[in-house]
Protein backbone atom coordinates (compact mmCIF):
# COMPACT_ATOMS: atom_id res chain seq x y z
CA MET A 1 98.08 88.27 119.80
CA SER A 2 97.27 91.44 121.69
CA GLN A 3 98.96 92.17 124.98
CA GLU A 4 96.94 93.18 128.02
CA PRO A 5 98.03 96.44 129.66
CA LEU A 6 100.02 96.10 132.86
CA LEU A 7 98.17 97.61 135.81
CA PRO A 8 99.50 98.25 139.30
CA SER A 9 98.58 95.37 141.62
CA SER A 10 97.18 97.83 144.17
CA PHE A 11 94.89 99.55 141.65
CA ASP A 12 91.23 99.65 142.62
CA PRO A 13 88.98 100.19 139.56
CA ASP A 14 86.45 101.93 141.80
CA PRO A 15 88.58 103.94 144.23
CA SER A 16 86.71 105.11 147.29
CA PRO A 17 87.66 106.94 150.52
CA ASP A 18 86.22 103.95 152.41
CA ASN A 19 89.31 101.92 151.60
CA GLY A 20 90.82 103.01 154.88
CA PRO A 21 92.57 106.01 156.41
CA GLU A 22 96.00 104.84 155.18
CA GLU A 23 94.89 104.57 151.55
CA GLN A 24 94.17 107.60 149.42
CA ALA A 25 91.80 107.31 146.48
CA LEU A 26 93.39 107.82 143.08
CA PRO A 27 91.70 110.62 141.10
CA PHE A 28 92.49 108.80 137.84
CA PRO A 29 93.50 105.21 137.12
CA PRO A 30 97.24 104.96 136.36
CA ARG A 31 98.46 105.40 132.81
CA PRO A 32 98.80 101.80 131.56
CA VAL A 33 101.82 100.33 129.84
CA LEU A 34 102.10 97.31 127.59
CA ASP A 35 104.00 94.15 128.43
CA ASP A 36 107.67 94.08 127.48
CA GLN A 37 107.71 93.28 123.76
CA SER A 38 111.44 92.52 123.48
CA THR A 39 110.95 88.74 123.52
CA ASN A 40 108.11 88.91 120.97
CA VAL A 41 110.23 91.14 118.71
CA TRP A 42 113.01 88.55 118.48
CA VAL A 43 110.55 85.70 118.00
CA LYS A 44 109.07 87.64 115.07
CA SER A 45 112.57 88.39 113.73
CA LEU A 46 113.62 84.73 113.79
CA SER A 47 110.29 83.63 112.31
CA SER A 48 110.63 86.12 109.47
CA LEU A 49 114.22 84.93 108.86
CA ALA A 50 113.03 81.32 108.63
CA LEU A 51 110.33 82.28 106.13
CA TYR A 52 112.86 84.36 104.19
CA LEU A 53 115.19 81.34 103.87
CA VAL A 54 112.43 78.94 102.85
CA VAL A 55 111.04 81.23 100.14
CA GLY A 56 114.57 82.13 99.00
CA TYR A 57 115.51 78.48 98.55
CA VAL A 58 112.32 77.80 96.58
CA ILE A 59 113.23 80.66 94.23
CA PHE A 60 117.03 80.26 93.93
CA GLN A 61 117.43 76.49 94.49
CA ASP A 62 121.00 77.25 95.56
CA TRP A 63 121.94 77.19 99.25
CA LYS A 64 125.34 78.81 98.71
CA LEU A 65 123.92 81.81 96.87
CA LEU A 66 121.02 82.11 99.33
CA LEU A 67 123.30 82.02 102.38
CA ILE A 68 125.66 84.59 100.87
CA ILE A 69 122.78 86.97 100.11
CA THR A 70 121.25 86.36 103.55
CA GLY A 71 124.61 87.02 105.23
CA ILE A 72 124.97 90.29 103.29
CA VAL A 73 121.45 91.35 104.26
CA ILE A 74 122.07 90.53 107.95
CA PHE A 75 125.43 92.37 107.90
CA HIS A 76 123.70 95.39 106.34
CA GLU A 77 120.83 95.46 108.83
CA LEU A 78 123.14 94.88 111.81
CA GLY A 79 124.83 98.16 110.86
CA HIS A 80 121.52 99.99 111.15
CA PHE A 81 120.64 98.05 114.32
CA LEU A 82 123.91 98.77 116.16
CA ALA A 83 123.82 102.45 115.20
CA MET A 84 120.27 102.75 116.58
CA LYS A 85 121.38 100.96 119.74
CA VAL A 86 124.25 103.44 120.19
CA PHE A 87 121.75 106.30 119.91
CA ASN A 88 119.42 104.71 122.48
CA TYR A 89 116.55 103.68 120.24
CA LYS A 90 113.92 101.45 121.87
CA GLU A 91 111.99 98.38 120.70
CA LEU A 92 114.80 97.37 118.32
CA GLY A 93 114.34 94.51 115.91
CA ILE A 94 115.33 93.17 112.48
CA PHE A 95 112.58 91.81 110.24
CA PHE A 96 113.00 89.90 106.97
CA ILE A 97 110.73 90.17 103.93
CA PRO A 98 110.97 87.24 101.49
CA LEU A 99 112.47 88.24 98.10
CA LEU A 100 112.68 91.90 99.16
CA GLY A 101 115.29 92.01 101.93
CA ALA A 102 114.97 93.16 105.52
CA TYR A 103 114.67 96.24 107.68
CA ALA A 104 115.82 97.28 111.15
CA SER A 105 113.22 99.08 113.25
CA GLY A 106 113.31 101.12 116.44
CA THR A 107 111.59 104.01 118.15
CA LYS A 108 112.82 107.24 119.69
CA HIS A 109 110.97 110.39 120.65
CA GLU A 110 113.76 112.89 119.96
CA VAL A 111 115.40 112.28 116.58
CA SER A 112 118.56 114.09 115.50
CA GLN A 113 119.00 114.71 111.79
CA ARG A 114 122.70 113.89 112.14
CA GLN A 115 121.98 110.65 114.01
CA ALA A 116 119.40 109.63 111.39
CA ILE A 117 121.96 110.06 108.59
CA ILE A 118 124.57 108.04 110.51
CA ILE A 119 122.03 105.25 111.07
CA LEU A 120 121.13 105.18 107.38
CA LEU A 121 124.79 105.12 106.29
CA ALA A 122 125.67 102.45 108.87
CA GLY A 123 123.90 99.85 106.71
CA PRO A 124 125.40 100.20 103.20
CA LEU A 125 128.76 101.85 104.00
CA PRO A 126 130.36 98.91 105.91
CA GLY A 127 129.14 96.51 103.20
CA ILE A 128 130.71 98.63 100.45
CA LEU A 129 134.01 98.87 102.34
CA LEU A 130 134.03 95.11 102.99
CA GLY A 131 133.23 94.45 99.34
CA ILE A 132 136.15 96.63 98.23
CA VAL A 133 138.52 94.85 100.65
CA MET A 134 137.37 91.44 99.39
CA PHE A 135 137.74 92.60 95.80
CA LEU A 136 141.30 93.81 96.40
CA PHE A 137 142.42 90.63 98.18
CA GLN A 138 140.60 88.03 96.09
CA ASP A 139 143.80 87.16 94.16
CA HIS A 140 145.66 86.49 97.42
CA PHE A 141 143.20 83.95 98.84
CA HIS A 142 141.92 82.30 95.65
CA HIS A 143 138.65 81.21 97.26
CA PRO A 144 135.97 80.49 94.63
CA LEU A 145 133.21 82.25 96.59
CA LEU A 146 135.22 85.40 97.32
CA PRO A 147 134.69 87.18 93.95
CA MET A 148 130.94 86.48 93.99
CA THR A 149 130.61 87.63 97.61
CA ALA A 150 132.56 90.84 96.90
CA THR A 151 130.46 91.55 93.81
CA LEU A 152 127.18 90.96 95.65
CA LEU A 153 128.31 93.11 98.60
CA LEU A 154 129.03 96.02 96.28
CA PHE A 155 125.99 95.53 94.06
CA LEU A 156 123.37 95.13 96.80
CA ASN A 157 124.68 97.96 98.99
CA LEU A 158 125.14 100.37 96.07
CA LEU A 159 121.65 99.44 94.88
CA ASN A 160 120.41 100.37 98.34
CA LEU A 161 122.07 103.78 98.05
CA LEU A 162 120.19 104.75 94.88
CA PRO A 163 118.22 108.00 95.38
CA ILE A 164 114.89 106.20 95.36
CA TYR A 165 112.54 106.14 98.32
CA PRO A 166 112.37 103.99 100.51
CA LEU A 167 115.92 102.75 99.83
CA ASP A 168 118.62 104.07 102.18
CA GLY A 169 119.83 106.50 99.51
CA GLY A 170 116.34 107.93 99.08
CA GLN A 171 115.89 108.24 102.84
CA ILE A 172 119.25 109.97 103.20
CA LEU A 173 118.27 112.64 100.65
CA HIS A 174 114.85 112.87 102.31
CA ARG A 175 116.48 113.54 105.70
CA LEU A 176 118.94 116.04 104.24
CA PHE A 177 116.25 118.22 102.69
CA LEU A 178 113.51 118.07 105.29
CA ASP A 179 111.26 121.12 105.34
CA GLU A 180 108.59 122.18 107.81
CA LYS A 181 105.64 121.15 105.63
CA ASN A 182 107.47 118.15 104.17
CA ILE A 183 106.74 119.36 100.64
CA ILE A 184 110.19 118.38 99.36
CA GLY A 185 110.01 114.96 101.00
CA ARG A 186 106.57 114.16 99.60
CA THR A 187 107.48 115.39 96.15
CA PHE A 188 110.52 113.14 96.26
CA MET A 189 108.33 110.16 97.25
CA ILE A 190 106.00 110.80 94.29
CA LEU A 191 108.93 111.10 91.87
CA SER A 192 110.43 107.88 93.25
CA ALA A 193 107.14 106.02 92.72
CA LEU A 194 106.74 107.40 89.19
CA PHE A 195 110.32 106.46 88.31
CA MET A 196 109.77 102.89 89.56
CA ILE A 197 106.58 102.55 87.52
CA TRP A 198 108.34 103.87 84.41
CA PHE A 199 111.33 101.56 84.88
CA ASP A 200 109.10 98.58 85.57
CA TRP A 201 106.99 99.27 82.47
CA SER A 202 109.90 100.06 80.16
CA TYR A 203 112.40 97.35 81.13
CA ILE A 204 110.65 94.61 83.14
CA TYR A 205 107.22 94.28 81.53
CA PRO A 206 108.50 93.32 78.04
CA SER A 207 110.37 90.31 79.46
CA SER A 208 108.26 89.14 82.41
CA LEU A 209 104.68 89.96 83.31
CA LEU A 210 105.05 88.27 86.73
CA ALA A 211 108.14 90.31 87.64
CA PHE A 212 106.36 93.47 86.43
CA VAL A 213 103.40 92.79 88.73
CA LEU A 214 105.63 91.92 91.70
CA LEU A 215 107.77 95.05 91.31
CA LEU A 216 104.67 97.23 91.27
CA TYR A 217 104.54 96.53 95.02
CA PHE A 218 107.22 99.16 95.64
CA PRO A 219 105.64 102.24 93.96
CA ILE A 220 102.16 101.26 95.16
CA ASN A 221 103.46 100.91 98.72
CA ILE A 222 105.13 104.34 98.49
CA LEU A 223 101.92 106.00 97.26
CA LEU A 224 99.84 104.25 99.93
CA ARG A 225 102.30 105.38 102.60
CA LEU A 226 102.12 108.93 101.25
CA LYS A 227 98.32 108.86 101.46
CA ALA A 228 98.53 107.48 105.01
CA ASP A 229 100.92 110.29 105.97
CA ILE A 230 98.54 112.93 104.57
CA ASP A 231 95.56 111.36 106.38
CA ASN A 232 97.65 111.19 109.54
CA ASP A 233 98.48 114.90 109.30
CA LYS A 234 94.77 115.73 109.02
CA LEU A 235 94.05 113.58 112.07
CA ILE A 236 96.86 115.25 114.02
CA LYS A 237 95.36 118.69 113.31
CA LYS A 238 91.97 117.56 114.64
CA ILE A 239 93.50 116.09 117.79
CA GLU A 240 95.68 119.14 118.45
CA ALA A 241 92.68 121.42 117.86
CA ASP A 242 91.09 119.77 120.90
CA GLY A 243 93.99 120.88 123.08
CA VAL A 244 96.18 117.75 122.99
CA ASP A 245 99.95 118.22 122.90
CA LEU A 246 101.41 115.42 120.77
CA ASN A 247 105.00 116.62 121.14
CA VAL A 248 105.63 114.48 124.22
CA ASP A 249 106.92 111.03 124.99
CA TYR A 250 104.36 108.49 126.20
CA GLU A 251 106.26 108.01 129.48
CA GLU A 252 105.93 111.74 130.19
CA ILE A 253 102.11 111.71 130.13
CA SER A 254 100.45 111.97 133.56
CA ASP A 255 97.59 109.72 134.63
CA GLU A 256 95.11 112.56 134.17
CA GLY A 257 96.69 113.47 130.84
CA TYR A 258 96.30 109.91 129.59
CA TRP A 259 92.55 109.83 130.20
CA LYS A 260 92.03 113.26 128.62
CA MET A 261 94.09 112.31 125.56
CA ARG A 262 92.29 108.96 125.45
CA ASN A 263 88.91 110.67 125.04
CA VAL A 264 90.18 112.89 122.23
CA PHE A 265 91.72 109.94 120.40
CA ILE A 266 88.50 107.94 120.72
CA LYS A 267 86.58 110.93 119.36
CA HIS A 268 88.70 111.37 116.23
CA HIS A 269 90.55 108.14 115.45
CA PRO A 270 88.52 105.75 113.23
CA ASP A 271 90.14 102.64 114.74
CA LEU A 272 88.93 103.54 118.25
CA LYS A 273 85.28 104.37 117.55
CA ASP A 274 84.01 101.23 119.31
CA ILE A 275 85.82 102.03 122.61
CA PRO A 276 83.70 103.92 125.18
CA PRO A 277 85.15 107.22 126.41
CA ALA A 278 85.58 108.17 130.07
CA PRO A 279 83.98 108.62 132.52
CA PRO A 280 83.67 106.02 133.89
CA TYR A 281 87.44 105.67 134.13
CA GLN A 282 87.70 102.00 133.26
CA TYR A 283 90.11 100.15 131.02
CA ALA A 284 88.52 98.73 127.89
CA ASN A 285 89.05 95.21 126.61
CA ARG A 286 91.05 96.77 123.74
CA GLU A 287 93.00 99.20 125.90
CA ASP A 288 96.20 97.91 124.31
CA LYS A 289 94.91 99.30 120.98
CA VAL A 290 94.43 102.71 122.60
CA ILE A 291 97.99 102.65 123.93
CA THR A 292 99.65 101.62 120.66
CA THR A 293 97.57 104.12 118.67
CA MET A 294 98.47 106.91 121.07
CA GLN A 295 102.15 106.01 121.00
CA GLY A 296 102.11 105.92 117.21
CA MET A 297 100.51 109.35 116.96
CA LEU A 298 102.87 111.13 119.34
CA GLN A 299 105.17 113.34 117.30
CA ARG A 300 108.87 112.70 117.04
CA LEU A 301 110.94 115.80 117.66
CA ILE A 302 113.32 116.17 114.71
CA ILE A 303 116.38 118.22 115.59
CA MET A 304 117.74 119.93 112.48
CA ASP A 305 121.40 119.88 113.52
CA LEU A 306 123.20 119.50 110.19
CA SER A 307 125.11 122.49 108.83
CA ILE A 308 125.47 123.25 105.13
CA VAL A 309 129.08 122.01 105.23
CA GLU A 310 127.97 118.71 106.80
CA LYS A 311 125.26 118.26 104.18
CA ILE A 312 127.77 118.82 101.38
CA ALA A 313 130.16 116.33 103.03
CA ILE A 314 127.40 113.70 103.22
CA ILE A 315 126.48 114.21 99.56
CA LEU A 316 130.17 113.86 98.57
CA LEU A 317 130.43 110.68 100.66
CA TRP A 318 127.29 109.34 98.97
CA ILE A 319 128.76 110.09 95.52
CA GLY A 320 132.09 108.59 96.60
CA CYS A 321 130.40 105.29 97.44
CA PHE A 322 129.47 104.93 93.75
CA ALA A 323 132.75 106.31 92.43
CA ALA A 324 135.11 104.17 94.57
CA PRO A 325 134.30 100.76 93.01
CA ILE A 326 134.55 102.26 89.52
CA LEU A 327 137.91 103.94 90.20
CA MET A 328 139.15 100.84 92.01
CA HIS A 329 138.27 98.61 89.06
CA LEU A 330 140.07 100.96 86.67
CA LYS A 331 143.12 100.95 88.94
CA VAL A 332 143.19 97.14 89.06
CA ASN A 333 142.90 96.94 85.25
CA LEU A 334 145.74 99.47 84.91
CA PHE A 335 148.03 97.41 87.16
CA GLN A 336 147.15 94.24 85.29
CA THR A 337 147.99 95.97 82.00
CA LEU A 338 151.33 97.25 83.29
């Protein structure tokens, strides 16, 4: 359901000097804002969690396994969520996708490369550490679910660190090697999609046609996102060619700036073609669509604040996440042998 823009209660859609000597006519209607979406975000999060559990039970038919996996997914996403909250991201939420997992979302105009890496690591790293702790202490507690939980913690979080976009590992490498034209990032996305298609065809298709078709969602989604990014870049060039500065936060736009940007967006954006431009300076029935489109097109400022040493340290930490469970398992076997 769309949300109507909030307008000042004193706003007159047809401002006129005849309103009285104490009132001054506004040259432009105020820049509108949308209703607070925080309640709707959590309603959507809980609804997606309910659907995730229902579909998961239909597939697994095992409440214990489903709850363990769901708990691991929530623990993982809470790491991302809390890290984004620390770095003052807005519109935070966690959304669940049946059979695929979940994702934490948030928005911020100024994005630090270092903060982005910390946010990405805040999901899998705590899960890997907790899995290692559970693995080491499983013989002391003798709980039947402890070994399975430890194994799933390690497996799911290490799987998420694989260098495949859009997994956390793929996004970490993407952030580390950002370039001005995003050539490296887009090449990496294409290679990730091709690898998924090859793996799906070589190892999944021979055993299950249904699983093969379902797993094609990932590479297709990556390629569609890549196409959308390229189309978005073309649209950004057209909008900026008309004198619009997209390197601002929506809250920084003046009332006059909003109406000027609004006309340019209506001129170029295909989703806004049916909205009349100004003047007259009147809010359209779908003004909320104008606002969300404008907010989505405003460019995030990416601060490249990672040094070469920091990048090397992050890569070593990433490698260490895979090496630690292997070395730990060898150490346990050695002690058992001795």
